[in-house]
Amino acid sequence: MAEVAKLEPSAIKLLYDSAEYTRPINLGVDAGSKAVGISAAAEKEELYAAEVKLRTDIVDLLSTRKAFRS
C-alpha cells in the first residue's frame, strides 16, 4: 500500500517497511545533442528505458520572432 506524499513533483510514500525488498539498481544517462537516453537496470534485467528527443527548432523560432519586431 502507498499514499500520495506530494502532487508536484509527484511522489508516493510506502505504508510498509521495504528494507527486505531492496536491490541495487544502476542508472545510466546518455546526454546527446539531439536526444537524451535514460536506463535503469538491475544485475540481469533492464527495468526502465526511455529516450527523450530534444527540440531543435528554438533558434529558428527566436530568429523569426526577432524579425517580426524589426
PDB file of N, CA and C in Angstrom:
ATOM      1  N   MET A   1       0.838  -1.175   0.000  1.00  0.00           N
ATOM      2  CA  MET A   1       0.000   0.000   0.000  1.00  0.00           C
ATOM      3  C   MET A   1       0.889   1.246   0.000  1.00  0.00           C
ATOM      4  N   ALA A   2       0.337   2.305  -0.571  1.00  0.00           N
ATOM      5  CA  ALA A   2       1.070   3.565  -0.642  1.00  0.00           C
ATOM      6  C   ALA A   2       0.074   4.716  -0.585  1.00  0.00           C
ATOM      7  N   GLU A   3       0.572   5.889  -0.231  1.00  0.00           N
ATOM      8  CA  GLU A   3      -0.248   7.092  -0.233  1.00  0.00           C
ATOM      9  C   GLU A   3       0.488   8.194  -0.985  1.00  0.00           C
ATOM     10  N   VAL A   4      -0.257   9.152  -1.476  1.00  0.00           N
ATOM     11  CA  VAL A   4       0.340  10.270  -2.200  1.00  0.00           C
ATOM     12  C   VAL A   4       1.013  11.194  -1.188  1.00  0.00           C
ATOM     13  N   ALA A   5       2.300  11.439  -1.375  1.00  0.00           N
ATOM     14  CA  ALA A   5       3.040  12.329  -0.489  1.00  0.00           C
ATOM     15  C   ALA A   5       3.025  13.754  -1.031  1.00  0.00           C
ATOM     16  N   LYS A   6       3.237  13.912  -2.338  1.00  0.00           N
ATOM     17  CA  LYS A   6       3.229  15.222  -2.993  1.00  0.00           C
ATOM     18  C   LYS A   6       2.641  15.075  -4.381  1.00  0.00           C
ATOM     19  N   LEU A   7       1.959  16.100  -4.830  1.00  0.00           N
ATOM     20  CA  LEU A   7       1.451  16.083  -6.200  1.00  0.00           C
ATOM     21  C   LEU A   7       2.471  16.663  -7.172  1.00  0.00           C
ATOM     22  N   GLU A   8       3.168  17.717  -6.773  1.00  0.00           N
ATOM     23  CA  GLU A   8       4.170  18.357  -7.636  1.00  0.00           C
ATOM     24  C   GLU A   8       5.451  18.551  -6.861  1.00  0.00           C
ATOM     25  N   PRO A   9       6.533  17.922  -7.107  1.00  0.00           N
ATOM     26  CA  PRO A   9       6.707  16.804  -8.030  1.00  0.00           C
ATOM     27  C   PRO A   9       6.020  15.560  -7.480  1.00  0.00           C
ATOM     28  N   SER A  10       5.595  14.715  -8.358  1.00  0.00           N
ATOM     29  CA  SER A  10       4.858  13.518  -7.987  1.00  0.00           C
ATOM     30  C   SER A  10       5.707  12.610  -7.103  1.00  0.00           C
ATOM     31  N   ALA A  11       5.155  12.230  -5.926  1.00  0.00           N
ATOM     32  CA  ALA A  11       5.874  11.343  -5.011  1.00  0.00           C
ATOM     33  C   ALA A  11       4.865  10.534  -4.217  1.00  0.00           C
ATOM     34  N   ILE A  12       5.214   9.275  -3.950  1.00  0.00           N
ATOM     35  CA  ILE A  12       4.372   8.437  -3.107  1.00  0.00           C
ATOM     36  C   ILE A  12       5.175   7.998  -1.894  1.00  0.00           C
ATOM     37  N   LYS A  13       4.464   7.623  -0.825  1.00  0.00           N
ATOM     38  CA  LYS A  13       5.094   7.141   0.398  1.00  0.00           C
ATOM     39  C   LYS A  13       4.573   5.733   0.661  1.00  0.00           C
ATOM     40  N   LEU A  14       5.487   4.779   0.802  1.00  0.00           N
ATOM     41  CA  LEU A  14       5.080   3.414   1.109  1.00  0.00           C
ATOM     42  C   LEU A  14       4.596   3.327   2.545  1.00  0.00           C
ATOM     43  N   LEU A  15       3.559   2.550   2.779  1.00  0.00           N
ATOM     44  CA  LEU A  15       2.988   2.414   4.113  1.00  0.00           C
ATOM     45  C   LEU A  15       3.503   1.170   4.847  1.00  0.00           C
ATOM     46  N   TYR A  16       4.556   0.557   4.315  1.00  0.00           N
ATOM     47  CA  TYR A  16       5.160  -0.595   4.960  1.00  0.00           C
ATOM     48  C   TYR A  16       6.666  -0.505   4.795  1.00  0.00           C
ATOM     49  N   ASP A  17       7.387  -1.226   5.631  1.00  0.00           N
ATOM     50  CA  ASP A  17       8.848  -1.222   5.571  1.00  0.00           C
ATOM     51  C   ASP A  17       9.302  -2.000   4.341  1.00  0.00           C
ATOM     52  N   SER A  18      10.163  -1.400   3.531  1.00  0.00           N
ATOM     53  CA  SER A  18      10.599  -2.040   2.294  1.00  0.00           C
ATOM     54  C   SER A  18      12.059  -2.478   2.334  1.00  0.00           C
ATOM     55  N   ALA A  19      12.658  -2.562   3.514  1.00  0.00           N
ATOM     56  CA  ALA A  19      14.075  -2.932   3.618  1.00  0.00           C
ATOM     57  C   ALA A  19      14.339  -4.332   3.075  1.00  0.00           C
ATOM     58  N   GLU A  20      13.368  -5.220   3.162  1.00  0.00           N
ATOM     59  CA  GLU A  20      13.564  -6.586   2.683  1.00  0.00           C
ATOM     60  C   GLU A  20      13.522  -6.685   1.166  1.00  0.00           C
ATOM     61  N   TYR A  21      12.978  -5.694   0.493  1.00  0.00           N
ATOM     62  CA  TYR A  21      12.731  -5.778  -0.940  1.00  0.00           C
ATOM     63  C   TYR A  21      13.670  -4.906  -1.771  1.00  0.00           C
ATOM     64  N   THR A  22      14.764  -4.486  -1.228  1.00  0.00           N
ATOM     65  CA  THR A  22      15.666  -3.610  -1.973  1.00  0.00           C
ATOM     66  C   THR A  22      16.665  -4.431  -2.775  1.00  0.00           C
ATOM     67  N   ARG A  23      17.147  -3.839  -3.868  1.00  0.00           N
ATOM     68  CA  ARG A  23      18.212  -4.435  -4.662  1.00  0.00           C
ATOM     69  C   ARG A  23      18.965  -3.306  -5.351  1.00  0.00           C
ATOM     70  N   PRO A  24      20.226  -3.520  -5.656  1.00  0.00           N
ATOM     71  CA  PRO A  24      20.995  -2.460  -6.324  1.00  0.00           C
ATOM     72  C   PRO A  24      20.528  -2.249  -7.762  1.00  0.00           C
ATOM     73  N   ILE A  25      20.363  -1.005  -8.121  1.00  0.00           N
ATOM     74  CA  ILE A  25      19.938  -0.630  -9.472  1.00  0.00           C
ATOM     75  C   ILE A  25      20.890   0.433  -9.991  1.00  0.00           C
ATOM     76  N   ASN A  26      21.345   0.268 -11.215  1.00  0.00           N
ATOM     77  CA  ASN A  26      22.227   1.233 -11.853  1.00  0.00           C
ATOM     78  C   ASN A  26      21.409   2.128 -12.777  1.00  0.00           C
ATOM     79  N   LEU A  27      21.691   3.419 -12.708  1.00  0.00           N
ATOM     80  CA  LEU A  27      21.018   4.387 -13.561  1.00  0.00           C
ATOM     81  C   LEU A  27      22.024   4.918 -14.561  1.00  0.00           C
ATOM     82  N   GLY A  28      21.659   4.874 -15.832  1.00  0.00           N
ATOM     83  CA  GLY A  28      22.531   5.390 -16.878  1.00  0.00           C
ATOM     84  C   GLY A  28      21.844   6.510 -17.634  1.00  0.00           C
ATOM     85  N   VAL A  29      22.582   7.589 -17.894  1.00  0.00           N
ATOM     86  CA  VAL A  29      22.057   8.728 -18.644  1.00  0.00           C
ATOM     87  C   VAL A  29      23.050   9.051 -19.752  1.00  0.00           C
ATOM     88  N   ASP A  30      22.567   9.098 -20.984  1.00  0.00           N
ATOM     89  CA  ASP A  30      23.393   9.459 -22.133  1.00  0.00           C
ATOM     90  C   ASP A  30      22.826  10.752 -22.710  1.00  0.00           C
ATOM     91  N   ALA A  31      23.489  11.870 -22.402  1.00  0.00           N
ATOM     92  CA  ALA A  31      23.011  13.175 -22.851  1.00  0.00           C
ATOM     93  C   ALA A  31      23.679  13.527 -24.171  1.00  0.00           C
ATOM     94  N   GLY A  32      22.919  13.430 -25.228  1.00  0.00           N
ATOM     95  CA  GLY A  32      23.414  13.792 -26.541  1.00  0.00           C
ATOM     96  C   GLY A  32      22.924  15.168 -26.944  1.00  0.00           C
ATOM     97  N   SER A  33      23.239  15.604 -28.154  1.00  0.00           N
ATOM     98  CA  SER A  33      22.826  16.931 -28.607  1.00  0.00           C
ATOM     99  C   SER A  33      21.399  16.935 -29.141  1.00  0.00           C
ATOM    100  N   LYS A  34      20.901  15.792 -29.613  1.00  0.00           N
ATOM    101  CA  LYS A  34      19.550  15.735 -30.172  1.00  0.00           C
ATOM    102  C   LYS A  34      18.616  14.818 -29.398  1.00  0.00           C
ATOM    103  N   ALA A  35      19.155  13.990 -28.509  1.00  0.00           N
ATOM    104  CA  ALA A  35      18.332  13.077 -27.715  1.00  0.00           C
ATOM    105  C   ALA A  35      19.045  12.766 -26.402  1.00  0.00           C
ATOM    106  N   VAL A  36      18.246  12.422 -25.388  1.00  0.00           N
ATOM    107  CA  VAL A  36      18.768  12.011 -24.088  1.00  0.00           C
ATOM    108  C   VAL A  36      18.233  10.617 -23.819  1.00  0.00           C
ATOM    109  N   GLY A  37      19.122   9.675 -23.539  1.00  0.00           N
ATOM    110  CA  GLY A  37      18.721   8.312 -23.226  1.00  0.00           C
ATOM    111  C   GLY A  37      18.864   8.049 -21.746  1.00  0.00           C
ATOM    112  N   ILE A  38      17.875   7.347 -21.163  1.00  0.00           N
ATOM    113  CA  ILE A  38      17.880   7.030 -19.745  1.00  0.00           C
ATOM    114  C   ILE A  38      17.580   5.546 -19.596  1.00  0.00           C
ATOM    115  N   SER A  39      18.322   4.880 -18.711  1.00  0.00           N
ATOM    116  CA  SER A  39      18.112   3.458 -18.495  1.00  0.00           C
ATOM    117  C   SER A  39      18.369   3.120 -17.028  1.00  0.00           C
ATOM    118  N   ALA A  40      17.499   2.280 -16.458  1.00  0.00           N
ATOM    119  CA  ALA A  40      17.689   1.758 -15.107  1.00  0.00           C
ATOM    120  C   ALA A  40      17.747   0.239 -15.232  1.00  0.00           C
ATOM    121  N   ALA A  41      18.804  -0.354 -14.680  1.00  0.00           N
ATOM    122  CA  ALA A  41      18.993  -1.790 -14.836  1.00  0.00           C
ATOM    123  C   ALA A  41      19.443  -2.426 -13.530  1.00  0.00           C
ATOM    124  N   ALA A  42      18.900  -3.608 -13.266  1.00  0.00           N
ATOM    125  CA  ALA A  42      19.363  -4.435 -12.160  1.00  0.00           C
ATOM    126  C   ALA A  42      20.497  -5.300 -12.689  1.00  0.00           C
ATOM    127  N   GLU A  43      20.886  -6.296 -11.927  1.00  0.00           N
ATOM    128  CA  GLU A  43      22.034  -7.110 -12.319  1.00  0.00           C
ATOM    129  C   GLU A  43      21.820  -7.835 -13.646  1.00  0.00           C
ATOM    130  N   LYS A  44      20.611  -8.401 -13.880  1.00  0.00           N
ATOM    131  CA  LYS A  44      20.390  -9.207 -15.071  1.00  0.00           C
ATOM    132  C   LYS A  44      19.249  -8.732 -15.956  1.00  0.00           C
ATOM    133  N   GLU A  45      18.596  -7.614 -15.604  1.00  0.00           N
ATOM    134  CA  GLU A  45      17.460  -7.167 -16.413  1.00  0.00           C
ATOM    135  C   GLU A  45      17.383  -5.650 -16.463  1.00  0.00           C
ATOM    136  N   GLU A  46      16.871  -5.169 -17.576  1.00  0.00           N
ATOM    137  CA  GLU A  46      16.632  -3.734 -17.725  1.00  0.00           C
ATOM    138  C   GLU A  46      15.234  -3.431 -17.207  1.00  0.00           C
ATOM    139  N   LEU A  47      15.140  -2.517 -16.247  1.00  0.00           N
ATOM    140  CA  LEU A  47      13.871  -2.205 -15.608  1.00  0.00           C
ATOM    141  C   LEU A  47      13.138  -1.059 -16.288  1.00  0.00           C
ATOM    142  N   TYR A  48      13.891  -0.119 -16.837  1.00  0.00           N
ATOM    143  CA  TYR A  48      13.282   1.066 -17.441  1.00  0.00           C
ATOM    144  C   TYR A  48      14.225   1.612 -18.496  1.00  0.00           C
ATOM    145  N   ALA A  49      13.666   2.027 -19.622  1.00  0.00           N
ATOM    146  CA  ALA A  49      14.456   2.656 -20.669  1.00  0.00           C
ATOM    147  C   ALA A  49      13.603   3.715 -21.348  1.00  0.00           C
ATOM    148  N   ALA A  50      14.205   4.852 -21.649  1.00  0.00           N
ATOM    149  CA  ALA A  50      13.473   5.928 -22.312  1.00  0.00           C
ATOM    150  C   ALA A  50      14.439   6.756 -23.144  1.00  0.00           C
ATOM    151  N   GLU A  51      13.880   7.378 -24.173  1.00  0.00           N
ATOM    152  CA  GLU A  51      14.651   8.309 -24.999  1.00  0.00           C
ATOM    153  C   GLU A  51      13.807   9.568 -25.176  1.00  0.00           C
ATOM    154  N   VAL A  52      14.393  10.694 -24.852  1.00  0.00           N
ATOM    155  CA  VAL A  52      13.717  11.977 -24.990  1.00  0.00           C
ATOM    156  C   VAL A  52      14.368  12.723 -26.145  1.00  0.00           C
ATOM    157  N   LYS A  53      13.575  13.059 -27.152  1.00  0.00           N
ATOM    158  CA  LYS A  53      14.099  13.818 -28.286  1.00  0.00           C
ATOM    159  C   LYS A  53      13.995  15.307 -27.969  1.00  0.00           C
ATOM    160  N   LEU A  54      15.104  15.991 -28.066  1.00  0.00           N
ATOM    161  CA  LEU A  54      15.159  17.407 -27.735  1.00  0.00           C
ATOM    162  C   LEU A  54      14.700  18.260 -28.911  1.00  0.00           C
ATOM    163  N   ARG A  55      14.143  19.411 -28.591  1.00  0.00           N
ATOM    164  CA  ARG A  55      13.704  20.326 -29.648  1.00  0.00           C
ATOM    165  C   ARG A  55      14.919  20.968 -30.313  1.00  0.00           C
ATOM    166  N   THR A  56      14.855  21.066 -31.621  1.00  0.00           N
ATOM    167  CA  THR A  56      15.953  21.679 -32.372  1.00  0.00           C
ATOM    168  C   THR A  56      15.502  22.929 -33.111  1.00  0.00           C
ATOM    169  N   ASP A  57      14.257  23.336 -32.906  1.00  0.00           N
ATOM    170  CA  ASP A  57      13.716  24.469 -33.660  1.00  0.00           C
ATOM    171  C   ASP A  57      13.718  25.779 -32.878  1.00  0.00           C
ATOM    172  N   ILE A  58      14.271  25.829 -31.700  1.00  0.00           N
ATOM    173  CA  ILE A  58      14.208  27.022 -30.850  1.00  0.00           C
ATOM    174  C   ILE A  58      14.941  28.200 -31.484  1.00  0.00           C
ATOM    175  N   VAL A  59      16.127  27.967 -32.028  1.00  0.00           N
ATOM    176  CA  VAL A  59      16.910  29.056 -32.626  1.00  0.00           C
ATOM    177  C   VAL A  59      16.140  29.688 -33.784  1.00  0.00           C
ATOM    178  N   ASP A  60      15.536  28.862 -34.626  1.00  0.00           N
ATOM    179  CA  ASP A  60      14.750  29.378 -35.758  1.00  0.00           C
ATOM    180  C   ASP A  60      13.529  30.166 -35.279  1.00  0.00           C
ATOM    181  N   LEU A  61      12.853  29.674 -34.257  1.00  0.00           N
ATOM    182  CA  LEU A  61      11.682  30.377 -33.734  1.00  0.00           C
ATOM    183  C   LEU A  61      12.055  31.740 -33.146  1.00  0.00           C
ATOM    184  N   LEU A  62      13.161  31.796 -32.427  1.00  0.00           N
ATOM    185  CA  LEU A  62      13.611  33.073 -31.856  1.00  0.00           C
ATOM    186  C   LEU A  62      14.034  34.052 -32.948  1.00  0.00           C
ATOM    187  N   SER A  63      14.660  33.556 -33.999  1.00  0.00           N
ATOM    188  CA  SER A  63      15.057  34.424 -35.114  1.00  0.00           C
ATOM    189  C   SER A  63      13.826  34.988 -35.821  1.00  0.00           C
ATOM    190  N   THR A  64      12.821  34.163 -36.011  1.00  0.00           N
ATOM    191  CA  THR A  64      11.580  34.620 -36.640  1.00  0.00           C
ATOM    192  C   THR A  64      10.902  35.677 -35.780  1.00  0.00           C
ATOM    193  N   ARG A  65      10.865  35.451 -34.474  1.00  0.00           N
ATOM    194  CA  ARG A  65      10.250  36.423 -33.571  1.00  0.00           C
ATOM    195  C   ARG A  65      10.997  37.753 -33.600  1.00  0.00           C
ATOM    196  N   LYS A  66      12.316  37.678 -33.658  1.00  0.00           N
ATOM    197  CA  LYS A  66      13.137  38.896 -33.716  1.00  0.00           C
ATOM    198  C   LYS A  66      12.868  39.665 -35.006  1.00  0.00           C
ATOM    199  N   ALA A  67      12.692  38.954 -36.117  1.00  0.00           N
ATOM    200  CA  ALA A  67      12.429  39.589 -37.408  1.00  0.00           C
ATOM    201  C   ALA A  67      11.085  40.334 -37.405  1.00  0.00           C
ATOM    202  N   PHE A  68      10.090  39.793 -36.697  1.00  0.00           N
ATOM    203  CA  PHE A  68       8.794  40.463 -36.612  1.00  0.00           C
ATOM    204  C   PHE A  68       8.869  41.764 -35.814  1.00  0.00           C
ATOM    205  N   ARG A  69       9.808  41.851 -34.865  1.00  0.00           N
ATOM    206  CA  ARG A  69       9.930  43.062 -34.044  1.00  0.00           C
ATOM    207  C   ARG A  69      10.605  44.194 -34.797  1.00  0.00           C
ATOM    208  N   SER A  70      11.341  43.893 -35.821  1.00  0.00           N
ATOM    209  CA  SER A  70      12.105  44.932 -36.545  1.00  0.00           C
ATOM    210  C   SER A  70      11.239  45.735 -37.494  1.00  0.00           C
TER     211      SER A  70
END
